[in-house]
Amino acid sequence: MSFHNPTPTEICKILHGIHTIAVVGLSPNEVRPSYRVAQALQSHGYKIIPVRPLVQEVLGEKAYANLESLYLEGGAGKVDVVDVFRAAEHVPAIVDSCIKLGIKNLWLQDGVIHEEAALRAQAAGITVVMDRCMWRDFSTLCAPKISNNV
């Protein structure tokens, strides 16, 4: 069995149905892709929860060392999706956390590919998007189109 991403229509449904995004690997460095993507999503109303050890805050939001500590400390409530900006070797442990915590959506950013872990997550009932940029998909596939006929 091989992994397949949701269709563009399904991706838009996910992006329109979520509010809170836990960004694993969110860098406080403004030039890093994780920062720019999270900032753009935040500017469109998404609640961003940084998940990164040794960081206190990113984008004005309290940071958590890992997904478990987010839930243990009360975090910001329910996480709708985990967006991963970590190397593929870290994905199996992130999948374990998502399964344990009952998180229903997992997004692996561009270049983050771990087919075995993605299939395991799907088998556990998690919707997985792999090797795609959440912001790019939001802005190109799902953002409302503006009419020039005003």
C-alpha atoms as a PDB file:
ATOM      1  CA  MET A   1       0.000   0.000   0.000  1.00  0.00           C
ATOM      2  CA  SER A   2       1.359   3.409  -0.866  1.00  0.00           C
ATOM      3  CA  PHE A   3       0.533   6.791   0.581  1.00  0.00           C
ATOM      4  CA  HIS A   4      -1.703   9.239  -1.265  1.00  0.00           C
ATOM      5  CA  ASN A   5      -2.430  12.814  -0.226  1.00  0.00           C
ATOM      6  CA  PRO A   6      -6.013  14.009   0.033  1.00  0.00           C
ATOM      7  CA  THR A   7      -7.411  15.630  -3.114  1.00  0.00           C
ATOM      8  CA  PRO A   8      -7.219  19.434  -3.474  1.00  0.00           C
ATOM      9  CA  THR A   9     -10.916  19.635  -2.542  1.00  0.00           C
ATOM     10  CA  GLU A  10     -10.292  17.553   0.594  1.00  0.00           C
ATOM     11  CA  ILE A  11      -7.265  19.714   1.471  1.00  0.00           C
ATOM     12  CA  CYS A  12      -9.426  22.850   1.274  1.00  0.00           C
ATOM     13  CA  LYS A  13     -12.044  21.197   3.470  1.00  0.00           C
ATOM     14  CA  ILE A  14      -9.347  20.492   6.059  1.00  0.00           C
ATOM     15  CA  LEU A  15      -7.971  24.033   5.903  1.00  0.00           C
ATOM     16  CA  HIS A  16     -11.425  25.603   6.172  1.00  0.00           C
ATOM     17  CA  GLY A  17     -12.402  23.295   9.044  1.00  0.00           C
ATOM     18  CA  ILE A  18      -9.465  24.009  11.351  1.00  0.00           C
ATOM     19  CA  HIS A  19      -8.634  26.879  13.664  1.00  0.00           C
ATOM     20  CA  THR A  20      -5.733  25.827  15.904  1.00  0.00           C
ATOM     21  CA  ILE A  21      -2.408  24.715  14.406  1.00  0.00           C
ATOM     22  CA  ALA A  22       0.404  23.276  16.527  1.00  0.00           C
ATOM     23  CA  VAL A  23       3.567  24.007  14.511  1.00  0.00           C
ATOM     24  CA  VAL A  24       6.252  21.481  15.440  1.00  0.00           C
ATOM     25  CA  GLY A  25       9.684  22.958  14.777  1.00  0.00           C
ATOM     26  CA  LEU A  26       8.497  26.569  14.556  1.00  0.00           C
ATOM     27  CA  SER A  27      11.648  28.696  14.492  1.00  0.00           C
ATOM     28  CA  PRO A  28      11.836  32.111  16.171  1.00  0.00           C
ATOM     29  CA  ASN A  29      14.106  33.153  13.273  1.00  0.00           C
ATOM     30  CA  GLU A  30      12.060  35.375  10.942  1.00  0.00           C
ATOM     31  CA  VAL A  31      13.858  34.190   7.799  1.00  0.00           C
ATOM     32  CA  ARG A  32      13.077  30.496   8.342  1.00  0.00           C
ATOM     33  CA  PRO A  33      10.234  28.957   6.305  1.00  0.00           C
ATOM     34  CA  SER A  34       8.467  27.727   9.450  1.00  0.00           C
ATOM     35  CA  TYR A  35       8.266  31.273  10.804  1.00  0.00           C
ATOM     36  CA  ARG A  36       7.061  32.769   7.520  1.00  0.00           C
ATOM     37  CA  VAL A  37       4.412  30.085   6.955  1.00  0.00           C
ATOM     38  CA  ALA A  38       3.121  30.284  10.542  1.00  0.00           C
ATOM     39  CA  GLN A  39       3.057  34.081  10.431  1.00  0.00           C
ATOM     40  CA  ALA A  40       1.074  34.052   7.174  1.00  0.00           C
ATOM     41  CA  LEU A  41      -1.419  31.532   8.553  1.00  0.00           C
ATOM     42  CA  GLN A  42      -1.720  33.555  11.766  1.00  0.00           C
ATOM     43  CA  SER A  43      -2.469  36.682   9.723  1.00  0.00           C
ATOM     44  CA  HIS A  44      -5.463  34.836   8.226  1.00  0.00           C
ATOM     45  CA  GLY A  45      -6.973  34.047  11.604  1.00  0.00           C
ATOM     46  CA  TYR A  46      -5.439  30.698  12.466  1.00  0.00           C
ATOM     47  CA  LYS A  47      -4.316  30.238  16.087  1.00  0.00           C
ATOM     48  CA  ILE A  48      -0.654  29.182  16.047  1.00  0.00           C
ATOM     49  CA  ILE A  49       0.853  27.148  18.883  1.00  0.00           C
ATOM     50  CA  PRO A  50       4.663  26.877  18.660  1.00  0.00           C
ATOM     51  CA  VAL A  51       6.103  23.475  19.560  1.00  0.00           C
ATOM     52  CA  ARG A  52       9.844  23.761  19.988  1.00  0.00           C
ATOM     53  CA  PRO A  53      12.109  22.981  22.963  1.00  0.00           C
ATOM     54  CA  LEU A  54      14.197  25.751  24.543  1.00  0.00           C
ATOM     55  CA  VAL A  55      11.994  28.535  23.144  1.00  0.00           C
ATOM     56  CA  GLN A  56       9.624  30.540  25.339  1.00  0.00           C
ATOM     57  CA  GLU A  57       7.549  32.288  22.683  1.00  0.00           C
ATOM     58  CA  VAL A  58       7.193  32.663  18.920  1.00  0.00           C
ATOM     59  CA  LEU A  59       4.832  35.011  17.076  1.00  0.00           C
ATOM     60  CA  GLY A  60       3.491  36.247  20.412  1.00  0.00           C
ATOM     61  CA  GLU A  61       2.373  32.753  21.440  1.00  0.00           C
ATOM     62  CA  LYS A  62       3.673  30.617  24.318  1.00  0.00           C
ATOM     63  CA  ALA A  63       5.854  27.789  23.051  1.00  0.00           C
ATOM     64  CA  TYR A  64       5.779  24.183  24.283  1.00  0.00           C
ATOM     65  CA  ALA A  65       8.640  21.689  24.299  1.00  0.00           C
ATOM     66  CA  ASN A  66       6.533  18.941  22.686  1.00  0.00           C
ATOM     67  CA  LEU A  67       2.937  17.988  21.968  1.00  0.00           C
ATOM     68  CA  GLU A  68       2.553  16.160  25.273  1.00  0.00           C
ATOM     69  CA  SER A  69       3.608  19.207  27.298  1.00  0.00           C
ATOM     70  CA  LEU A  70       1.134  21.336  25.342  1.00  0.00           C
ATOM     71  CA  TYR A  71      -1.669  19.018  26.482  1.00  0.00           C
ATOM     72  CA  LEU A  72      -0.306  18.579  30.021  1.00  0.00           C
ATOM     73  CA  GLU A  73       0.002  22.320  30.568  1.00  0.00           C
ATOM     74  CA  GLY A  74      -3.449  23.006  29.205  1.00  0.00           C
ATOM     75  CA  GLY A  75      -2.015  24.615  26.080  1.00  0.00           C
ATOM     76  CA  ALA A  76      -4.601  26.494  24.115  1.00  0.00           C
ATOM     77  CA  GLY A  77      -7.149  23.713  24.176  1.00  0.00           C
ATOM     78  CA  LYS A  78      -7.810  21.407  21.291  1.00  0.00           C
ATOM     79  CA  VAL A  79      -5.302  21.251  18.437  1.00  0.00           C
ATOM     80  CA  ASP A  80      -6.977  20.813  15.058  1.00  0.00           C
ATOM     81  CA  VAL A  81      -3.831  19.986  13.092  1.00  0.00           C
ATOM     82  CA  VAL A  82      -0.141  19.383  13.736  1.00  0.00           C
ATOM     83  CA  ASP A  83       2.041  21.059  11.098  1.00  0.00           C
ATOM     84  CA  VAL A  84       5.544  19.550  11.013  1.00  0.00           C
ATOM     85  CA  PHE A  85       8.737  21.433  10.122  1.00  0.00           C
ATOM     86  CA  ARG A  86      11.151  18.729  11.309  1.00  0.00           C
ATOM     87  CA  ALA A  87      13.380  16.242   9.532  1.00  0.00           C
ATOM     88  CA  ALA A  88      11.670  13.033   8.414  1.00  0.00           C
ATOM     89  CA  GLU A  89      13.478  10.970  11.062  1.00  0.00           C
ATOM     90  CA  HIS A  90      11.383  12.742  13.738  1.00  0.00           C
ATOM     91  CA  VAL A  91       8.030  11.968  12.108  1.00  0.00           C
ATOM     92  CA  PRO A  92       7.442   8.493  13.680  1.00  0.00           C
ATOM     93  CA  ALA A  93       7.653   9.951  17.206  1.00  0.00           C
ATOM     94  CA  ILE A  94       5.351  12.840  16.199  1.00  0.00           C
ATOM     95  CA  VAL A  95       2.862  10.314  14.801  1.00  0.00           C
ATOM     96  CA  ASP A  96       3.043   8.408  18.109  1.00  0.00           C
ATOM     97  CA  SER A  97       2.195  11.631  19.954  1.00  0.00           C
ATOM     98  CA  CYS A  98      -0.689  12.448  17.607  1.00  0.00           C
ATOM     99  CA  ILE A  99      -2.169   8.970  18.062  1.00  0.00           C
ATOM    100  CA  LYS A 100      -1.750   9.116  21.853  1.00  0.00           C
ATOM    101  CA  LEU A 101      -3.303  12.584  22.100  1.00  0.00           C
ATOM    102  CA  GLY A 102      -6.156  11.925  19.667  1.00  0.00           C
ATOM    103  CA  ILE A 103      -5.104  14.586  17.158  1.00  0.00           C
ATOM    104  CA  LYS A 104      -7.045  14.090  13.928  1.00  0.00           C
ATOM    105  CA  ASN A 105      -4.954  15.928  11.307  1.00  0.00           C
ATOM    106  CA  LEU A 106      -1.238  15.818  10.531  1.00  0.00           C
ATOM    107  CA  TRP A 107       0.489  17.998   7.942  1.00  0.00           C
ATOM    108  CA  LEU A 108       4.069  17.285   6.858  1.00  0.00           C
ATOM    109  CA  GLN A 109       5.542  20.330   5.126  1.00  0.00           C
ATOM    110  CA  ASP A 110       7.482  20.384   1.846  1.00  0.00           C
ATOM    111  CA  GLY A 111      10.354  17.917   1.963  1.00  0.00           C
ATOM    112  CA  VAL A 112       9.115  16.130   5.108  1.00  0.00           C
ATOM    113  CA  ILE A 113       8.433  12.633   3.812  1.00  0.00           C
ATOM    114  CA  HIS A 114       8.013   9.464   5.878  1.00  0.00           C
ATOM    115  CA  GLU A 115       5.612   7.145   4.083  1.00  0.00           C
ATOM    116  CA  GLU A 116       5.627   4.394   6.723  1.00  0.00           C
ATOM    117  CA  ALA A 117       4.735   6.823   9.527  1.00  0.00           C
ATOM    118  CA  ALA A 118       2.104   8.535   7.354  1.00  0.00           C
ATOM    119  CA  LEU A 119       0.435   5.185   6.610  1.00  0.00           C
ATOM    120  CA  ARG A 120       0.521   4.293  10.331  1.00  0.00           C
ATOM    121  CA  ALA A 121      -1.129   7.624  11.146  1.00  0.00           C
ATOM    122  CA  GLN A 122      -3.812   7.036   8.503  1.00  0.00           C
ATOM    123  CA  ALA A 123      -4.456   3.551   9.880  1.00  0.00           C
ATOM    124  CA  ALA A 124      -5.053   5.201  13.274  1.00  0.00           C
ATOM    125  CA  GLY A 125      -7.712   7.487  11.738  1.00  0.00           C
ATOM    126  CA  ILE A 126      -5.545  10.577  11.259  1.00  0.00           C
ATOM    127  CA  THR A 127      -5.888  12.576   8.044  1.00  0.00           C
ATOM    128  CA  VAL A 128      -2.371  13.103   6.700  1.00  0.00           C
ATOM    129  CA  VAL A 129      -1.067  15.592   4.148  1.00  0.00           C
ATOM    130  CA  MET A 130       2.582  14.984   3.256  1.00  0.00           C
ATOM    131  CA  ASP A 131       5.239  16.961   1.364  1.00  0.00           C
ATOM    132  CA  ARG A 132       2.995  20.002   0.837  1.00  0.00           C
ATOM    133  CA  CYS A 133       3.121  23.554   2.157  1.00  0.00           C
ATOM    134  CA  MET A 134       0.065  24.466   4.224  1.00  0.00           C
ATOM    135  CA  TRP A 135       0.327  28.162   3.404  1.00  0.00           C
ATOM    136  CA  ARG A 136       0.802  27.561  -0.328  1.00  0.00           C
ATOM    137  CA  ASP A 137      -2.199  25.233  -0.416  1.00  0.00           C
ATOM    138  CA  PHE A 138      -4.308  27.707   1.552  1.00  0.00           C
ATOM    139  CA  SER A 139      -3.376  30.629  -0.676  1.00  0.00           C
ATOM    140  CA  THR A 140      -3.501  28.868  -4.048  1.00  0.00           C
ATOM    141  CA  LEU A 141      -6.159  26.190  -3.610  1.00  0.00           C
ATOM    142  CA  CYS A 142      -8.453  27.471  -0.902  1.00  0.00           C
ATOM    143  CA  ALA A 143      -8.331  31.239  -0.471  1.00  0.00           C
ATOM    144  CA  PRO A 144     -11.465  33.049  -1.625  1.00  0.00           C
ATOM    145  CA  LYS A 145     -11.101  34.359  -5.150  1.00  0.00           C
ATOM    146  CA  ILE A 146     -11.524  38.115  -5.498  1.00  0.00           C
ATOM    147  CA  SER A 147     -13.634  39.235  -8.408  1.00  0.00           C
ATOM    148  CA  ASN A 148     -12.548  42.145 -10.582  1.00  0.00           C
ATOM    149  CA  ASN A 149     -16.203  42.861 -11.383  1.00  0.00           C
ATOM    150  CA  VAL A 150     -16.759  45.220  -8.464  1.00  0.00           C
END
